[in-house]
Structures are given as C-alpha cells and as structure tokens.
C-alpha cells in the first residue's frame, strides 16, 4: 500500500517539508516539532481510516503520535518521512 494521497501538495514536496521539520526537531527546535506534529495528524488519520476501523481511529492517532515522539531520533533524513510515518501508523493500527 502506498502512502496516502495528500491534498493540495505533491507527496514529494510534503515529504521534503516534513522531513526538514523532523531534522530541525531532532536538533531541538521545539517550534518545528510542534508544527510537525500538527501536520502529521492528518496523514495519520488517513492511514488509520484506511485500516477500516473508524472506532479505533483516535486511539491509533494517539498511539502513532506517541510512537513518533519516542522514535524521533531514529528517523533517517535520507529516507522518506511519509513512508516512515505511514509504517509507524500501520504498526499502531
């Protein structure tokens, strides 16, 4: 399954933007991290809804954001951020 379609922006541009925010967050930029979490929520919701269980959507969102937070230093900026986030979300779902 490919990463979710993102509205109004190409997936590559979104991936680059989110990856950049994560790199800045890894360096301690709290503002970038806050923006990153807000922007990731819509991607997480899309993936969670695709799993087919709307009742668990909020739980998956919460678990995914928590997992992203706990694993943030493991993100490799040479790889796709959206694919990394999607894998986290699917695991949580």
N, C-alpha and C. Protein backbone atom coordinates (compact mmCIF):
# COMPACT_ATOMS: atom_id res chain seq x y z
N UNK A 1 0.85 -1.18 0.00
CA UNK A 1 0.00 0.00 0.00
C UNK A 1 0.90 1.24 0.00
N UNK A 2 0.63 2.19 -0.87
CA UNK A 2 1.44 3.40 -0.96
C UNK A 2 1.01 4.41 0.09
N UNK A 3 1.87 5.42 0.37
CA UNK A 3 1.50 6.46 1.33
C UNK A 3 0.22 7.15 0.88
N UNK A 4 -0.52 7.72 1.82
CA UNK A 4 -1.80 8.35 1.49
C UNK A 4 -1.63 9.53 0.55
N UNK A 5 -2.65 9.77 -0.28
CA UNK A 5 -2.65 10.95 -1.14
C UNK A 5 -2.82 12.18 -0.25
N UNK A 6 -2.08 13.20 -0.54
CA UNK A 6 -2.14 14.41 0.27
C UNK A 6 -2.75 15.55 -0.55
N UNK A 7 -3.70 16.26 0.02
CA UNK A 7 -4.38 17.32 -0.72
C UNK A 7 -3.49 18.53 -0.97
N UNK A 8 -3.67 19.15 -2.14
CA UNK A 8 -3.09 20.45 -2.49
C UNK A 8 -1.57 20.50 -2.58
N UNK A 9 -0.87 19.45 -2.31
CA UNK A 9 0.59 19.46 -2.41
C UNK A 9 1.03 18.09 -2.91
N UNK A 10 2.07 18.09 -3.69
CA UNK A 10 2.61 16.82 -4.12
C UNK A 10 3.23 16.08 -2.96
N UNK A 11 3.20 14.77 -3.04
CA UNK A 11 3.74 13.95 -1.96
C UNK A 11 5.23 14.22 -1.75
N UNK A 12 5.97 14.46 -2.83
CA UNK A 12 7.41 14.72 -2.68
C UNK A 12 7.67 16.02 -1.94
N UNK A 13 6.91 17.06 -2.26
CA UNK A 13 7.08 18.34 -1.57
C UNK A 13 6.71 18.22 -0.10
N UNK A 14 5.63 17.50 0.18
CA UNK A 14 5.20 17.31 1.56
C UNK A 14 6.24 16.48 2.32
N UNK A 15 6.75 15.45 1.67
CA UNK A 15 7.75 14.59 2.30
C UNK A 15 9.01 15.40 2.64
N UNK A 16 9.43 16.23 1.72
CA UNK A 16 10.62 17.07 1.94
C UNK A 16 10.37 18.05 3.09
N UNK A 17 9.20 18.66 3.10
CA UNK A 17 8.86 19.62 4.16
C UNK A 17 8.83 18.95 5.53
N UNK A 18 8.13 17.82 5.63
CA UNK A 18 8.02 17.13 6.91
C UNK A 18 9.37 16.57 7.35
N UNK A 19 10.14 16.05 6.41
CA UNK A 19 11.47 15.57 6.74
C UNK A 19 12.35 16.69 7.28
N UNK A 20 12.25 17.87 6.67
CA UNK A 20 13.00 19.03 7.15
C UNK A 20 12.58 19.45 8.54
N UNK A 21 11.28 19.42 8.79
CA UNK A 21 10.79 19.75 10.13
C UNK A 21 11.32 18.75 11.16
N UNK A 22 11.34 17.46 10.78
CA UNK A 22 11.83 16.45 11.70
C UNK A 22 13.32 16.64 11.99
N UNK A 23 14.10 16.95 10.98
CA UNK A 23 15.54 17.18 11.19
C UNK A 23 15.74 18.35 12.16
N UNK A 24 14.97 19.41 11.98
CA UNK A 24 15.08 20.56 12.90
C UNK A 24 14.60 20.16 14.31
N UNK A 25 13.55 19.35 14.37
CA UNK A 25 13.06 18.88 15.67
C UNK A 25 14.11 18.00 16.36
N UNK A 26 14.78 17.16 15.60
CA UNK A 26 15.83 16.32 16.16
C UNK A 26 16.96 17.17 16.75
N UNK A 27 17.15 18.35 16.18
CA UNK A 27 18.20 19.26 16.65
C UNK A 27 17.73 20.11 17.83
N UNK A 28 16.46 19.92 18.24
CA UNK A 28 15.96 20.63 19.41
C UNK A 28 15.04 21.80 19.14
N UNK A 29 14.65 22.01 17.88
CA UNK A 29 13.76 23.12 17.53
C UNK A 29 12.32 22.76 17.91
N UNK A 30 11.87 23.29 19.03
CA UNK A 30 10.54 22.96 19.55
C UNK A 30 9.41 23.46 18.66
N UNK A 31 9.59 24.62 18.05
CA UNK A 31 8.56 25.16 17.17
C UNK A 31 8.38 24.26 15.94
N UNK A 32 9.48 23.82 15.35
CA UNK A 32 9.39 22.91 14.20
C UNK A 32 8.70 21.61 14.60
N UNK A 33 9.00 21.13 15.80
CA UNK A 33 8.40 19.89 16.27
C UNK A 33 6.89 20.04 16.45
N UNK A 34 6.47 21.16 17.00
CA UNK A 34 5.03 21.40 17.17
C UNK A 34 4.31 21.44 15.83
N UNK A 35 4.91 22.12 14.85
CA UNK A 35 4.32 22.18 13.50
C UNK A 35 4.28 20.78 12.90
N UNK A 36 5.36 20.03 13.05
CA UNK A 36 5.43 18.67 12.52
C UNK A 36 4.30 17.81 13.08
N UNK A 37 4.09 17.83 14.37
CA UNK A 37 3.04 17.01 14.98
C UNK A 37 1.66 17.39 14.46
N UNK A 38 1.40 18.68 14.33
CA UNK A 38 0.10 19.13 13.80
C UNK A 38 -0.09 18.64 12.37
N UNK A 39 0.95 18.74 11.55
CA UNK A 39 0.82 18.36 10.15
C UNK A 39 0.75 16.84 9.97
N UNK A 40 1.38 16.11 10.86
CA UNK A 40 1.36 14.64 10.77
C UNK A 40 -0.01 14.07 11.12
N UNK A 41 -0.77 14.78 11.92
CA UNK A 41 -2.04 14.24 12.38
C UNK A 41 -2.97 13.89 11.21
N UNK A 42 -3.03 14.71 10.17
CA UNK A 42 -3.93 14.41 9.05
C UNK A 42 -3.46 13.18 8.27
N UNK A 43 -2.16 13.00 8.14
CA UNK A 43 -1.64 11.82 7.47
C UNK A 43 -1.97 10.58 8.29
N UNK A 44 -1.74 10.67 9.58
CA UNK A 44 -2.03 9.54 10.48
C UNK A 44 -3.51 9.18 10.40
N UNK A 45 -4.39 10.18 10.43
CA UNK A 45 -5.83 9.90 10.34
C UNK A 45 -6.19 9.19 9.03
N UNK A 46 -5.60 9.63 7.93
CA UNK A 46 -5.87 9.00 6.64
C UNK A 46 -5.47 7.53 6.64
N UNK A 47 -4.30 7.25 7.17
CA UNK A 47 -3.83 5.86 7.23
C UNK A 47 -4.70 5.05 8.19
N UNK A 48 -5.03 5.63 9.33
CA UNK A 48 -5.84 4.93 10.33
C UNK A 48 -7.23 4.61 9.77
N UNK A 49 -7.82 5.53 9.05
CA UNK A 49 -9.15 5.28 8.47
C UNK A 49 -9.09 4.21 7.40
N UNK A 50 -7.98 4.15 6.67
CA UNK A 50 -7.83 3.13 5.62
C UNK A 50 -7.78 1.73 6.20
N UNK A 51 -7.47 1.61 7.48
CA UNK A 51 -7.44 0.30 8.12
C UNK A 51 -8.85 -0.28 8.27
N UNK A 52 -9.86 0.59 8.15
CA UNK A 52 -11.24 0.13 8.15
C UNK A 52 -11.95 0.15 9.47
N UNK A 53 -11.31 0.54 10.54
CA UNK A 53 -11.95 0.54 11.86
C UNK A 53 -12.02 1.96 12.40
N UNK A 54 -13.11 2.65 12.06
CA UNK A 54 -13.27 4.04 12.48
C UNK A 54 -13.30 4.19 14.00
N UNK A 55 -13.79 3.19 14.69
CA UNK A 55 -13.90 3.27 16.15
C UNK A 55 -12.52 3.37 16.81
N UNK A 56 -11.52 2.81 16.17
CA UNK A 56 -10.18 2.84 16.75
C UNK A 56 -9.32 3.99 16.23
N UNK A 57 -9.86 4.81 15.36
CA UNK A 57 -9.08 5.86 14.71
C UNK A 57 -8.38 6.78 15.72
N UNK A 58 -9.10 7.27 16.71
CA UNK A 58 -8.50 8.19 17.68
C UNK A 58 -7.40 7.52 18.49
N UNK A 59 -7.60 6.26 18.82
CA UNK A 59 -6.58 5.52 19.55
C UNK A 59 -5.33 5.35 18.70
N UNK A 60 -5.51 5.06 17.41
CA UNK A 60 -4.38 4.91 16.50
C UNK A 60 -3.65 6.24 16.36
N UNK A 61 -4.38 7.33 16.25
CA UNK A 61 -3.75 8.65 16.15
C UNK A 61 -2.89 8.91 17.39
N UNK A 62 -3.45 8.67 18.56
CA UNK A 62 -2.71 8.92 19.80
C UNK A 62 -1.47 8.02 19.90
N UNK A 63 -1.64 6.74 19.62
CA UNK A 63 -0.50 5.82 19.68
C UNK A 63 0.57 6.17 18.66
N UNK A 64 0.15 6.56 17.47
CA UNK A 64 1.11 6.91 16.42
C UNK A 64 1.90 8.15 16.78
N UNK A 65 1.24 9.17 17.31
CA UNK A 65 1.95 10.38 17.72
C UNK A 65 2.91 10.09 18.86
N UNK A 66 2.48 9.24 19.78
CA UNK A 66 3.36 8.87 20.89
C UNK A 66 4.58 8.09 20.39
N UNK A 67 4.33 7.17 19.45
CA UNK A 67 5.42 6.38 18.89
C UNK A 67 6.37 7.28 18.10
N UNK A 68 5.81 8.20 17.31
CA UNK A 68 6.65 9.15 16.58
C UNK A 68 7.54 9.91 17.56
N UNK A 69 6.97 10.36 18.65
CA UNK A 69 7.74 11.10 19.66
C UNK A 69 8.86 10.24 20.22
N UNK A 70 8.54 9.02 20.59
CA UNK A 70 9.54 8.14 21.21
C UNK A 70 10.63 7.71 20.23
N UNK A 71 10.30 7.66 18.94
CA UNK A 71 11.27 7.18 17.93
C UNK A 71 11.87 8.31 17.11
N UNK A 72 11.62 9.55 17.48
CA UNK A 72 12.02 10.68 16.62
C UNK A 72 13.51 10.72 16.33
N UNK A 73 14.35 10.30 17.25
CA UNK A 73 15.79 10.34 16.99
C UNK A 73 16.23 9.24 16.03
N UNK A 74 15.37 8.24 15.80
CA UNK A 74 15.70 7.14 14.89
C UNK A 74 15.41 7.49 13.43
N UNK A 75 14.69 8.58 13.19
CA UNK A 75 14.38 8.94 11.80
C UNK A 75 15.66 9.26 11.04
N UNK A 76 15.79 8.68 9.85
CA UNK A 76 16.94 8.89 8.98
C UNK A 76 16.52 9.85 7.86
N UNK A 77 17.07 11.07 7.82
CA UNK A 77 16.63 12.06 6.83
C UNK A 77 16.94 11.70 5.38
N UNK A 78 17.70 10.64 5.16
CA UNK A 78 17.95 10.19 3.79
C UNK A 78 16.78 9.36 3.26
N UNK A 79 15.84 9.07 4.12
CA UNK A 79 14.68 8.25 3.74
C UNK A 79 13.40 9.08 3.78
N UNK A 80 12.36 8.54 3.19
CA UNK A 80 11.07 9.22 3.13
C UNK A 80 10.45 9.35 4.52
N UNK A 81 10.12 10.57 4.90
CA UNK A 81 9.46 10.78 6.19
C UNK A 81 8.04 10.22 6.14
N UNK A 82 7.32 10.46 5.06
CA UNK A 82 5.93 10.00 4.96
C UNK A 82 5.86 8.47 5.02
N UNK A 83 6.80 7.80 4.36
CA UNK A 83 6.82 6.33 4.42
C UNK A 83 7.11 5.86 5.85
N UNK A 84 8.02 6.54 6.54
CA UNK A 84 8.35 6.21 7.93
C UNK A 84 7.12 6.40 8.82
N UNK A 85 6.45 7.53 8.67
CA UNK A 85 5.25 7.81 9.46
C UNK A 85 4.13 6.82 9.15
N UNK A 86 3.98 6.48 7.87
CA UNK A 86 2.95 5.53 7.47
C UNK A 86 3.22 4.15 8.09
N UNK A 87 4.48 3.74 8.11
CA UNK A 87 4.83 2.46 8.72
C UNK A 87 4.52 2.46 10.21
N UNK A 88 4.84 3.55 10.89
CA UNK A 88 4.53 3.68 12.32
C UNK A 88 3.02 3.55 12.53
N UNK A 89 2.26 4.27 11.72
CA UNK A 89 0.81 4.28 11.88
C UNK A 89 0.20 2.92 11.61
N UNK A 90 0.66 2.26 10.56
CA UNK A 90 0.14 0.91 10.28
C UNK A 90 0.46 -0.06 11.40
N UNK A 91 1.64 0.08 11.97
CA UNK A 91 2.01 -0.78 13.10
C UNK A 91 1.07 -0.53 14.28
N UNK A 92 0.79 0.72 14.54
CA UNK A 92 -0.11 1.08 15.65
C UNK A 92 -1.55 0.62 15.39
N UNK A 93 -1.94 0.64 14.12
CA UNK A 93 -3.31 0.22 13.77
C UNK A 93 -3.45 -1.28 13.95
